[in-house]
């Protein structure tokens, strides 16, 4: 596969759109160079059990890409842009390689790795996934593949067949950004997600928003109907954590509990499993 990504064209209909396009090109070029030189790592953030906030249910591996000066490029600046190009597949492949390495090196952890539905047909990503499954007998049952709602719903049939295949290896699936769109409900019978991560727009400052409290309760009810665990994203304060626990969320993730780190304290999870 070629390493060159096809970037947006220079042309634009207005000075503003031209400036936006140029900035997108600059960001993608920086990311492309970083990926080619493997300036990529994972930062790990625990997803905490509501019933025992000291115990992670699992960890999420979040992609981190550095520019030539060693600065982290904010993921929001490139993830959605790269999704439309092979660059997105390359990022997914490196994330898979790093994630599977972590699972093989630390048999005590469970880990979610982000992916795009478009990577399912990408040979290098598939090879990285199956290499990790072959190298560590328990990797499959400790792996969670995390797909955003918008990605999964663009090609639900492909995701469905892939999920069925991966379930034979014990792999679980998480639906990220649940509630952000209006496509998921009609596909939930077809796509069997084990975890549903409720989008941050509904969980951020939820203790101040009665509308979001009702909506999150509804999302929890839908998830539990389909036998999925729920995760509240972007939990940043004690008030939100208390409200989410009160309305029945299963797990929480956010800076209130821990920031993503490239040097995680895996012992937190080891001790939790030993105590279980």
C-alpha atoms as a PDB file:
ATOM      1  CA  UNK A   1       0.000   0.000   0.000  1.00  0.00           C
ATOM      2  CA  UNK A   2       1.351   3.489  -0.768  1.00  0.00           C
ATOM      3  CA  UNK A   3       2.199   5.755   2.157  1.00  0.00           C
ATOM      4  CA  UNK A   4       1.092   8.934   0.424  1.00  0.00           C
ATOM      5  CA  UNK A   5      -2.195  10.389   1.582  1.00  0.00           C
ATOM      6  CA  UNK A   6      -4.362  12.300  -0.851  1.00  0.00           C
ATOM      7  CA  UNK A   7      -4.842  15.678   0.763  1.00  0.00           C
ATOM      8  CA  UNK A   8      -7.686  18.120   0.098  1.00  0.00           C
ATOM      9  CA  UNK A   9      -7.244  20.264  -3.018  1.00  0.00           C
ATOM     10  CA  UNK A  10      -5.819  23.767  -2.817  1.00  0.00           C
ATOM     11  CA  UNK A  11      -8.823  25.336  -4.497  1.00  0.00           C
ATOM     12  CA  UNK A  12     -11.517  27.030  -2.461  1.00  0.00           C
ATOM     13  CA  UNK A  13     -14.577  29.138  -3.096  1.00  0.00           C
ATOM     14  CA  UNK A  14     -13.814  31.846  -0.545  1.00  0.00           C
ATOM     15  CA  UNK A  15     -10.846  33.239   1.427  1.00  0.00           C
ATOM     16  CA  UNK A  16     -12.206  31.626   4.602  1.00  0.00           C
ATOM     17  CA  UNK A  17     -12.676  28.178   3.091  1.00  0.00           C
ATOM     18  CA  UNK A  18      -9.240  28.510   1.466  1.00  0.00           C
ATOM     19  CA  UNK A  19      -7.671  29.249   4.849  1.00  0.00           C
ATOM     20  CA  UNK A  20      -9.463  26.305   6.447  1.00  0.00           C
ATOM     21  CA  UNK A  21      -8.366  23.982   3.652  1.00  0.00           C
ATOM     22  CA  UNK A  22      -4.773  25.152   3.923  1.00  0.00           C
ATOM     23  CA  UNK A  23      -4.762  24.564   7.676  1.00  0.00           C
ATOM     24  CA  UNK A  24      -6.171  21.067   7.178  1.00  0.00           C
ATOM     25  CA  UNK A  25      -3.453  20.334   4.632  1.00  0.00           C
ATOM     26  CA  UNK A  26      -0.776  21.544   7.046  1.00  0.00           C
ATOM     27  CA  UNK A  27      -2.105  19.397   9.887  1.00  0.00           C
ATOM     28  CA  UNK A  28      -2.395  16.296   7.710  1.00  0.00           C
ATOM     29  CA  UNK A  29       1.114  16.770   6.353  1.00  0.00           C
ATOM     30  CA  UNK A  30       2.541  17.057   9.886  1.00  0.00           C
ATOM     31  CA  UNK A  31       0.636  13.953  10.983  1.00  0.00           C
ATOM     32  CA  UNK A  32       1.656  12.039   7.885  1.00  0.00           C
ATOM     33  CA  UNK A  33       5.336  12.787   8.541  1.00  0.00           C
ATOM     34  CA  UNK A  34       4.964  11.785  12.205  1.00  0.00           C
ATOM     35  CA  UNK A  35       3.299   8.498  11.269  1.00  0.00           C
ATOM     36  CA  UNK A  36       5.998   7.742   8.690  1.00  0.00           C
ATOM     37  CA  UNK A  37       8.676   8.308  11.352  1.00  0.00           C
ATOM     38  CA  UNK A  38       6.713   6.384  14.021  1.00  0.00           C
ATOM     39  CA  UNK A  39       6.384   9.327  16.397  1.00  0.00           C
ATOM     40  CA  UNK A  40       3.236   7.654  17.652  1.00  0.00           C
ATOM     41  CA  UNK A  41       2.346   6.222  21.049  1.00  0.00           C
ATOM     42  CA  UNK A  42      -0.650   5.306  23.166  1.00  0.00           C
ATOM     43  CA  UNK A  43      -1.736   7.106  26.314  1.00  0.00           C
ATOM     44  CA  UNK A  44      -3.781   4.929  28.644  1.00  0.00           C
ATOM     45  CA  UNK A  45      -6.785   6.101  30.654  1.00  0.00           C
ATOM     46  CA  UNK A  46      -8.700   3.896  33.103  1.00  0.00           C
ATOM     47  CA  UNK A  47     -12.434   3.355  32.781  1.00  0.00           C
ATOM     48  CA  UNK A  48     -13.605   3.116  36.374  1.00  0.00           C
ATOM     49  CA  UNK A  49     -16.325   0.917  37.827  1.00  0.00           C
ATOM     50  CA  UNK A  50     -19.091   2.961  39.406  1.00  0.00           C
ATOM     51  CA  UNK A  51     -19.616   0.329  42.087  1.00  0.00           C
ATOM     52  CA  UNK A  52     -15.982   0.666  43.151  1.00  0.00           C
ATOM     53  CA  UNK A  53     -14.325   3.846  41.871  1.00  0.00           C
ATOM     54  CA  UNK A  54     -10.897   2.493  42.836  1.00  0.00           C
ATOM     55  CA  UNK A  55     -11.076  -0.333  40.297  1.00  0.00           C
ATOM     56  CA  UNK A  56     -10.725   0.101  36.551  1.00  0.00           C
ATOM     57  CA  UNK A  57     -13.031  -2.080  34.491  1.00  0.00           C
ATOM     58  CA  UNK A  58     -10.559  -1.650  31.636  1.00  0.00           C
ATOM     59  CA  UNK A  59      -8.180   0.886  30.103  1.00  0.00           C
ATOM     60  CA  UNK A  60      -8.529   2.813  26.854  1.00  0.00           C
ATOM     61  CA  UNK A  61      -5.503   3.294  24.616  1.00  0.00           C
ATOM     62  CA  UNK A  62      -5.650   6.810  23.150  1.00  0.00           C
ATOM     63  CA  UNK A  63      -3.505   7.711  20.156  1.00  0.00           C
ATOM     64  CA  UNK A  64      -0.784  10.328  20.649  1.00  0.00           C
ATOM     65  CA  UNK A  65       1.161  11.752  17.704  1.00  0.00           C
ATOM     66  CA  UNK A  66       4.121  14.132  18.098  1.00  0.00           C
ATOM     67  CA  UNK A  67       5.282  16.815  15.691  1.00  0.00           C
ATOM     68  CA  UNK A  68       8.960  17.325  14.833  1.00  0.00           C
ATOM     69  CA  UNK A  69       9.443  19.350  18.044  1.00  0.00           C
ATOM     70  CA  UNK A  70       8.017  16.634  20.280  1.00  0.00           C
ATOM     71  CA  UNK A  71       4.705  18.402  20.896  1.00  0.00           C
ATOM     72  CA  UNK A  72       1.524  16.337  20.994  1.00  0.00           C
ATOM     73  CA  UNK A  73      -0.817  17.163  18.127  1.00  0.00           C
ATOM     74  CA  UNK A  74      -4.366  17.416  19.558  1.00  0.00           C
ATOM     75  CA  UNK A  75      -6.315  14.397  18.228  1.00  0.00           C
ATOM     76  CA  UNK A  76      -9.336  16.576  17.474  1.00  0.00           C
ATOM     77  CA  UNK A  77      -7.168  18.443  14.951  1.00  0.00           C
ATOM     78  CA  UNK A  78      -6.607  15.414  12.729  1.00  0.00           C
ATOM     79  CA  UNK A  79      -8.715  12.347  13.584  1.00  0.00           C
ATOM     80  CA  UNK A  80     -11.767  13.336  11.544  1.00  0.00           C
ATOM     81  CA  UNK A  81      -9.611  14.657   8.692  1.00  0.00           C
ATOM     82  CA  UNK A  82      -7.469  11.528   8.477  1.00  0.00           C
ATOM     83  CA  UNK A  83     -10.537   9.268   8.548  1.00  0.00           C
ATOM     84  CA  UNK A  84     -11.174   9.911   4.854  1.00  0.00           C
ATOM     85  CA  UNK A  85      -7.675   8.916   3.709  1.00  0.00           C
ATOM     86  CA  UNK A  86      -5.275   6.004   3.967  1.00  0.00           C
ATOM     87  CA  UNK A  87      -3.562   7.992   6.714  1.00  0.00           C
ATOM     88  CA  UNK A  88      -6.473   7.066   8.962  1.00  0.00           C
ATOM     89  CA  UNK A  89      -5.895   3.387   8.252  1.00  0.00           C
ATOM     90  CA  UNK A  90      -2.185   3.782   9.011  1.00  0.00           C
ATOM     91  CA  UNK A  91      -2.954   5.417  12.354  1.00  0.00           C
ATOM     92  CA  UNK A  92      -5.380   2.611  13.212  1.00  0.00           C
ATOM     93  CA  UNK A  93      -2.729   0.040  12.308  1.00  0.00           C
ATOM     94  CA  UNK A  94      -0.102   1.578  14.583  1.00  0.00           C
ATOM     95  CA  UNK A  95      -2.655   1.885  17.393  1.00  0.00           C
ATOM     96  CA  UNK A  96      -3.497  -1.791  16.957  1.00  0.00           C
ATOM     97  CA  UNK A  97       0.167  -2.799  17.014  1.00  0.00           C
ATOM     98  CA  UNK A  98       0.844  -0.776  20.163  1.00  0.00           C
ATOM     99  CA  UNK A  99      -2.327  -1.977  21.840  1.00  0.00           C
ATOM    100  CA  UNK A 100      -1.668  -5.633  21.121  1.00  0.00           C
ATOM    101  CA  UNK A 101       1.900  -5.212  22.374  1.00  0.00           C
ATOM    102  CA  UNK A 102       0.519  -3.841  25.653  1.00  0.00           C
ATOM    103  CA  UNK A 103      -1.890  -6.777  25.982  1.00  0.00           C
ATOM    104  CA  UNK A 104       0.913  -9.266  25.315  1.00  0.00           C
ATOM    105  CA  UNK A 105       3.314  -7.593  27.763  1.00  0.00           C
ATOM    106  CA  UNK A 106       0.723  -7.118  30.514  1.00  0.00           C
ATOM    107  CA  UNK A 107      -1.556 -10.167  30.750  1.00  0.00           C
ATOM    108  CA  UNK A 108      -3.282  -8.637  33.777  1.00  0.00           C
ATOM    109  CA  UNK A 109      -4.969  -5.801  31.856  1.00  0.00           C
ATOM    110  CA  UNK A 110      -8.008  -5.385  29.645  1.00  0.00           C
ATOM    111  CA  UNK A 111      -7.707  -2.726  26.964  1.00  0.00           C
ATOM    112  CA  UNK A 112      -9.880  -0.915  24.423  1.00  0.00           C
ATOM    113  CA  UNK A 113      -8.361   0.218  21.135  1.00  0.00           C
ATOM    114  CA  UNK A 114     -10.033   2.696  18.827  1.00  0.00           C
ATOM    115  CA  UNK A 115     -10.672   1.801  15.215  1.00  0.00           C
ATOM    116  CA  UNK A 116     -12.587   2.965  12.177  1.00  0.00           C
ATOM    117  CA  UNK A 117     -15.001   0.673  10.409  1.00  0.00           C
ATOM    118  CA  UNK A 118     -13.043   1.495   7.262  1.00  0.00           C
ATOM    119  CA  UNK A 119      -9.984  -0.284   8.686  1.00  0.00           C
ATOM    120  CA  UNK A 120     -11.770  -3.633   8.651  1.00  0.00           C
ATOM    121  CA  UNK A 121     -10.776  -4.116   5.013  1.00  0.00           C
ATOM    122  CA  UNK A 122      -7.234  -2.735   5.444  1.00  0.00           C
ATOM    123  CA  UNK A 123      -4.756  -5.662   5.192  1.00  0.00           C
ATOM    124  CA  UNK A 124      -2.048  -4.197   7.427  1.00  0.00           C
ATOM    125  CA  UNK A 125      -4.528  -3.480  10.211  1.00  0.00           C
ATOM    126  CA  UNK A 126      -5.987  -6.966   9.925  1.00  0.00           C
ATOM    127  CA  UNK A 127      -2.487  -8.478  10.064  1.00  0.00           C
ATOM    128  CA  UNK A 128      -1.626  -6.508  13.220  1.00  0.00           C
ATOM    129  CA  UNK A 129      -4.845  -7.644  14.892  1.00  0.00           C
ATOM    130  CA  UNK A 130      -4.402 -11.326  14.096  1.00  0.00           C
ATOM    131  CA  UNK A 131      -0.700 -11.311  14.934  1.00  0.00           C
ATOM    132  CA  UNK A 132      -1.548 -10.102  18.419  1.00  0.00           C
ATOM    133  CA  UNK A 133      -4.326 -12.666  18.798  1.00  0.00           C
ATOM    134  CA  UNK A 134      -1.907 -15.414  17.732  1.00  0.00           C
ATOM    135  CA  UNK A 135       0.916 -14.305  20.037  1.00  0.00           C
ATOM    136  CA  UNK A 136      -1.088 -14.156  23.274  1.00  0.00           C
ATOM    137  CA  UNK A 137      -3.744 -16.778  23.984  1.00  0.00           C
ATOM    138  CA  UNK A 138      -5.785 -14.488  26.262  1.00  0.00           C
ATOM    139  CA  UNK A 139      -5.467 -11.313  24.170  1.00  0.00           C
ATOM    140  CA  UNK A 140      -8.825 -11.780  22.471  1.00  0.00           C
ATOM    141  CA  UNK A 141     -10.827 -11.982  25.683  1.00  0.00           C
ATOM    142  CA  UNK A 142      -9.005  -8.891  27.015  1.00  0.00           C
ATOM    143  CA  UNK A 143      -9.389  -6.806  23.855  1.00  0.00           C
ATOM    144  CA  UNK A 144     -12.201  -4.303  23.304  1.00  0.00           C
ATOM    145  CA  UNK A 145     -12.469  -2.720  19.871  1.00  0.00           C
ATOM    146  CA  UNK A 146     -13.986   0.741  20.122  1.00  0.00           C
ATOM    147  CA  UNK A 147     -15.896   2.147  17.138  1.00  0.00           C
ATOM    148  CA  UNK A 148     -17.570   5.537  16.995  1.00  0.00           C
ATOM    149  CA  UNK A 149     -21.277   5.597  16.300  1.00  0.00           C
ATOM    150  CA  UNK A 150     -20.779   7.632  13.117  1.00  0.00           C
ATOM    151  CA  UNK A 151     -18.203   5.164  11.776  1.00  0.00           C
ATOM    152  CA  UNK A 152     -20.154   2.023  12.618  1.00  0.00           C
ATOM    153  CA  UNK A 153     -23.383   3.301  11.122  1.00  0.00           C
ATOM    154  CA  UNK A 154     -21.846   4.163   7.749  1.00  0.00           C
ATOM    155  CA  UNK A 155     -21.321   0.462   6.992  1.00  0.00           C
ATOM    156  CA  UNK A 156     -23.324  -1.595   9.513  1.00  0.00           C
ATOM    157  CA  UNK A 157     -23.364  -4.773   7.404  1.00  0.00           C
ATOM    158  CA  UNK A 158     -19.557  -4.930   7.228  1.00  0.00           C
ATOM    159  CA  UNK A 159     -19.270  -4.189  10.940  1.00  0.00           C
ATOM    160  CA  UNK A 160     -21.843  -6.910  11.660  1.00  0.00           C
ATOM    161  CA  UNK A 161     -19.869  -9.630   9.859  1.00  0.00           C
ATOM    162  CA  UNK A 162     -16.600  -8.471  11.402  1.00  0.00           C
ATOM    163  CA  UNK A 163     -18.091  -8.514  14.906  1.00  0.00           C
ATOM    164  CA  UNK A 164     -19.369 -12.052  14.415  1.00  0.00           C
ATOM    165  CA  UNK A 165     -15.911 -13.158  13.322  1.00  0.00           C
ATOM    166  CA  UNK A 166     -14.143 -11.476  16.232  1.00  0.00           C
ATOM    167  CA  UNK A 167     -16.562 -12.842  18.819  1.00  0.00           C
ATOM    168  CA  UNK A 168     -15.087 -16.280  18.069  1.00  0.00           C
ATOM    169  CA  UNK A 169     -11.823 -14.942  19.496  1.00  0.00           C
ATOM    170  CA  UNK A 170     -13.552 -13.524  22.573  1.00  0.00           C
ATOM    171  CA  UNK A 171     -13.141  -9.915  21.420  1.00  0.00           C
ATOM    172  CA  UNK A 172     -15.621  -7.379  22.809  1.00  0.00           C
ATOM    173  CA  UNK A 173     -16.909  -4.213  21.154  1.00  0.00           C
ATOM    174  CA  UNK A 174     -17.641  -0.745  22.461  1.00  0.00           C
ATOM    175  CA  UNK A 175     -19.827   1.820  20.708  1.00  0.00           C
ATOM    176  CA  UNK A 176     -18.190   5.208  21.224  1.00  0.00           C
ATOM    177  CA  UNK A 177     -20.101   8.519  21.214  1.00  0.00           C
ATOM    178  CA  UNK A 178     -23.403   6.737  21.782  1.00  0.00           C
ATOM    179  CA  UNK A 179     -26.249   9.207  21.430  1.00  0.00           C
ATOM    180  CA  UNK A 180     -24.315  11.664  19.277  1.00  0.00           C
ATOM    181  CA  UNK A 181     -26.306  10.710  16.167  1.00  0.00           C
ATOM    182  CA  UNK A 182     -29.713   9.292  15.353  1.00  0.00           C
ATOM    183  CA  UNK A 183     -28.598   6.182  13.478  1.00  0.00           C
ATOM    184  CA  UNK A 184     -27.720   3.742  16.235  1.00  0.00           C
ATOM    185  CA  UNK A 185     -31.126   2.604  17.582  1.00  0.00           C
ATOM    186  CA  UNK A 186     -32.285   0.886  14.415  1.00  0.00           C
ATOM    187  CA  UNK A 187     -28.994  -1.030  14.140  1.00  0.00           C
ATOM    188  CA  UNK A 188     -28.615  -2.143  17.764  1.00  0.00           C
ATOM    189  CA  UNK A 189     -30.404  -5.438  17.118  1.00  0.00           C
ATOM    190  CA  UNK A 190     -27.915  -6.203  14.368  1.00  0.00           C
ATOM    191  CA  UNK A 191     -24.722  -4.951  16.019  1.00  0.00           C
ATOM    192  CA  UNK A 192     -24.110  -6.581  19.381  1.00  0.00           C
ATOM    193  CA  UNK A 193     -22.060  -4.089  21.365  1.00  0.00           C
ATOM    194  CA  UNK A 194     -20.822  -5.120  24.793  1.00  0.00           C
ATOM    195  CA  UNK A 195     -20.165  -1.557  25.944  1.00  0.00           C
ATOM    196  CA  UNK A 196     -21.899   1.711  25.065  1.00  0.00           C
ATOM    197  CA  UNK A 197     -19.972   4.891  25.818  1.00  0.00           C
ATOM    198  CA  UNK A 198     -22.353   7.805  26.175  1.00  0.00           C
ATOM    199  CA  UNK A 199     -21.196  10.898  24.327  1.00  0.00           C
ATOM    200  CA  UNK A 200     -19.662  13.694  26.359  1.00  0.00           C
ATOM    201  CA  UNK A 201     -22.233  16.244  25.235  1.00  0.00           C
ATOM    202  CA  UNK A 202     -24.713  14.485  27.519  1.00  0.00           C
ATOM    203  CA  UNK A 203     -22.421  13.789  30.482  1.00  0.00           C
ATOM    204  CA  UNK A 204     -20.445  17.015  30.814  1.00  0.00           C
ATOM    205  CA  UNK A 205     -21.857  19.028  33.739  1.00  0.00           C
ATOM    206  CA  UNK A 206     -24.811  16.670  33.878  1.00  0.00           C
ATOM    207  CA  UNK A 207     -25.497  17.643  37.496  1.00  0.00           C
ATOM    208  CA  UNK A 208     -26.630  21.042  36.177  1.00  0.00           C
ATOM    209  CA  UNK A 209     -28.718  19.804  33.247  1.00  0.00           C
ATOM    210  CA  UNK A 210     -32.002  18.032  33.979  1.00  0.00           C
ATOM    211  CA  UNK A 211     -32.613  17.389  30.267  1.00  0.00           C
ATOM    212  CA  UNK A 212     -29.364  15.464  29.947  1.00  0.00           C
ATOM    213  CA  UNK A 213     -30.137  13.563  33.135  1.00  0.00           C
ATOM    214  CA  UNK A 214     -33.327  12.261  31.511  1.00  0.00           C
ATOM    215  CA  UNK A 215     -31.555  11.494  28.233  1.00  0.00           C
ATOM    216  CA  UNK A 216     -28.717   9.600  29.908  1.00  0.00           C
ATOM    217  CA  UNK A 217     -31.218   7.558  31.915  1.00  0.00           C
ATOM    218  CA  UNK A 218     -32.869   6.667  28.599  1.00  0.00           C
ATOM    219  CA  UNK A 219     -29.522   5.707  27.038  1.00  0.00           C
ATOM    220  CA  UNK A 220     -28.744   3.510  30.035  1.00  0.00           C
ATOM    221  CA  UNK A 221     -32.127   1.794  29.706  1.00  0.00           C
ATOM    222  CA  UNK A 222     -31.526   1.124  25.996  1.00  0.00           C
ATOM    223  CA  UNK A 223     -28.026  -0.215  26.634  1.00  0.00           C
ATOM    224  CA  UNK A 224     -29.141  -2.511  29.437  1.00  0.00           C
ATOM    225  CA  UNK A 225     -31.993  -3.800  27.284  1.00  0.00           C
ATOM    226  CA  UNK A 226     -29.355  -4.943  24.802  1.00  0.00           C
ATOM    227  CA  UNK A 227     -27.222  -6.373  27.633  1.00  0.00           C
ATOM    228  CA  UNK A 228     -24.467  -3.789  27.250  1.00  0.00           C
ATOM    229  CA  UNK A 229     -22.532  -2.013  29.978  1.00  0.00           C
ATOM    230  CA  UNK A 230     -22.607   1.789  29.962  1.00  0.00           C
ATOM    231  CA  UNK A 231     -19.684   4.193  30.250  1.00  0.00           C
ATOM    232  CA  UNK A 232     -20.023   7.923  30.844  1.00  0.00           C
ATOM    233  CA  UNK A 233     -17.317   9.855  29.009  1.00  0.00           C
ATOM    234  CA  UNK A 234     -15.725  13.144  30.045  1.00  0.00           C
ATOM    235  CA  UNK A 235     -16.440  12.988  33.780  1.00  0.00           C
ATOM    236  CA  UNK A 236     -14.521  15.921  35.242  1.00  0.00           C
ATOM    237  CA  UNK A 237     -15.923  16.628  38.695  1.00  0.00           C
ATOM    238  CA  UNK A 238     -17.378  14.941  41.764  1.00  0.00           C
ATOM    239  CA  UNK A 239     -20.847  16.396  41.206  1.00  0.00           C
ATOM    240  CA  UNK A 240     -21.129  14.784  37.774  1.00  0.00           C
ATOM    241  CA  UNK A 241     -19.770  11.475  39.097  1.00  0.00           C
ATOM    242  CA  UNK A 242     -22.331  11.451  41.896  1.00  0.00           C
ATOM    243  CA  UNK A 243     -25.211  12.256  39.558  1.00  0.00           C
ATOM    244  CA  UNK A 244     -24.173   9.586  37.051  1.00  0.00           C
ATOM    245  CA  UNK A 245     -23.877   7.001  39.804  1.00  0.00           C
ATOM    246  CA  UNK A 246     -27.327   7.975  41.068  1.00  0.00           C
ATOM    247  CA  UNK A 247     -28.976   7.453  37.671  1.00  0.00           C
ATOM    248  CA  UNK A 248     -27.358   4.059  37.178  1.00  0.00           C
ATOM    249  CA  UNK A 249     -24.244   4.369  34.976  1.00  0.00           C
ATOM    250  CA  UNK A 250     -22.021   1.263  35.101  1.00  0.00           C
ATOM    251  CA  UNK A 251     -18.613   2.879  34.501  1.00  0.00           C
ATOM    252  CA  UNK A 252     -17.088   6.345  34.226  1.00  0.00           C
ATOM    253  CA  UNK A 253     -14.075   7.774  32.429  1.00  0.00           C
ATOM    254  CA  UNK A 254     -12.530  11.209  32.655  1.00  0.00           C
ATOM    255  CA  UNK A 255     -10.041  13.558  34.248  1.00  0.00           C
ATOM    256  CA  UNK A 256     -11.884  13.383  37.573  1.00  0.00           C
ATOM    257  CA  UNK A 257     -10.455   9.870  37.941  1.00  0.00           C
ATOM    258  CA  UNK A 258      -7.223  10.021  35.940  1.00  0.00           C
ATOM    259  CA  UNK A 259      -5.670  11.736  32.940  1.00  0.00           C
ATOM    260  CA  UNK A 260      -4.396   9.645  30.025  1.00  0.00           C
ATOM    261  CA  UNK A 261      -0.753   8.717  30.533  1.00  0.00           C
ATOM    262  CA  UNK A 262       1.892   6.962  28.494  1.00  0.00           C
ATOM    263  CA  UNK A 263       3.253   5.489  31.736  1.00  0.00           C
ATOM    264  CA  UNK A 264       0.234   3.860  33.405  1.00  0.00           C
ATOM    265  CA  UNK A 265       0.128   2.313  36.827  1.00  0.00           C
ATOM    266  CA  UNK A 266      -0.984  -1.140  35.719  1.00  0.00           C
ATOM    267  CA  UNK A 267      -0.772  -2.265  39.349  1.00  0.00           C
ATOM    268  CA  UNK A 268      -4.098  -0.502  39.968  1.00  0.00           C
ATOM    269  CA  UNK A 269      -5.772  -3.089  37.784  1.00  0.00           C
ATOM    270  CA  UNK A 270      -3.671  -6.022  38.973  1.00  0.00           C
ATOM    271  CA  UNK A 271      -4.595  -5.353  42.597  1.00  0.00           C
ATOM    272  CA  UNK A 272      -8.253  -4.944  41.679  1.00  0.00           C
ATOM    273  CA  UNK A 273      -8.365  -8.297  39.911  1.00  0.00           C
ATOM    274  CA  UNK A 274      -6.549  -9.994  42.763  1.00  0.00           C
ATOM    275  CA  UNK A 275      -9.091  -8.601  45.203  1.00  0.00           C
ATOM    276  CA  UNK A 276     -12.085  -9.634  43.085  1.00  0.00           C
END
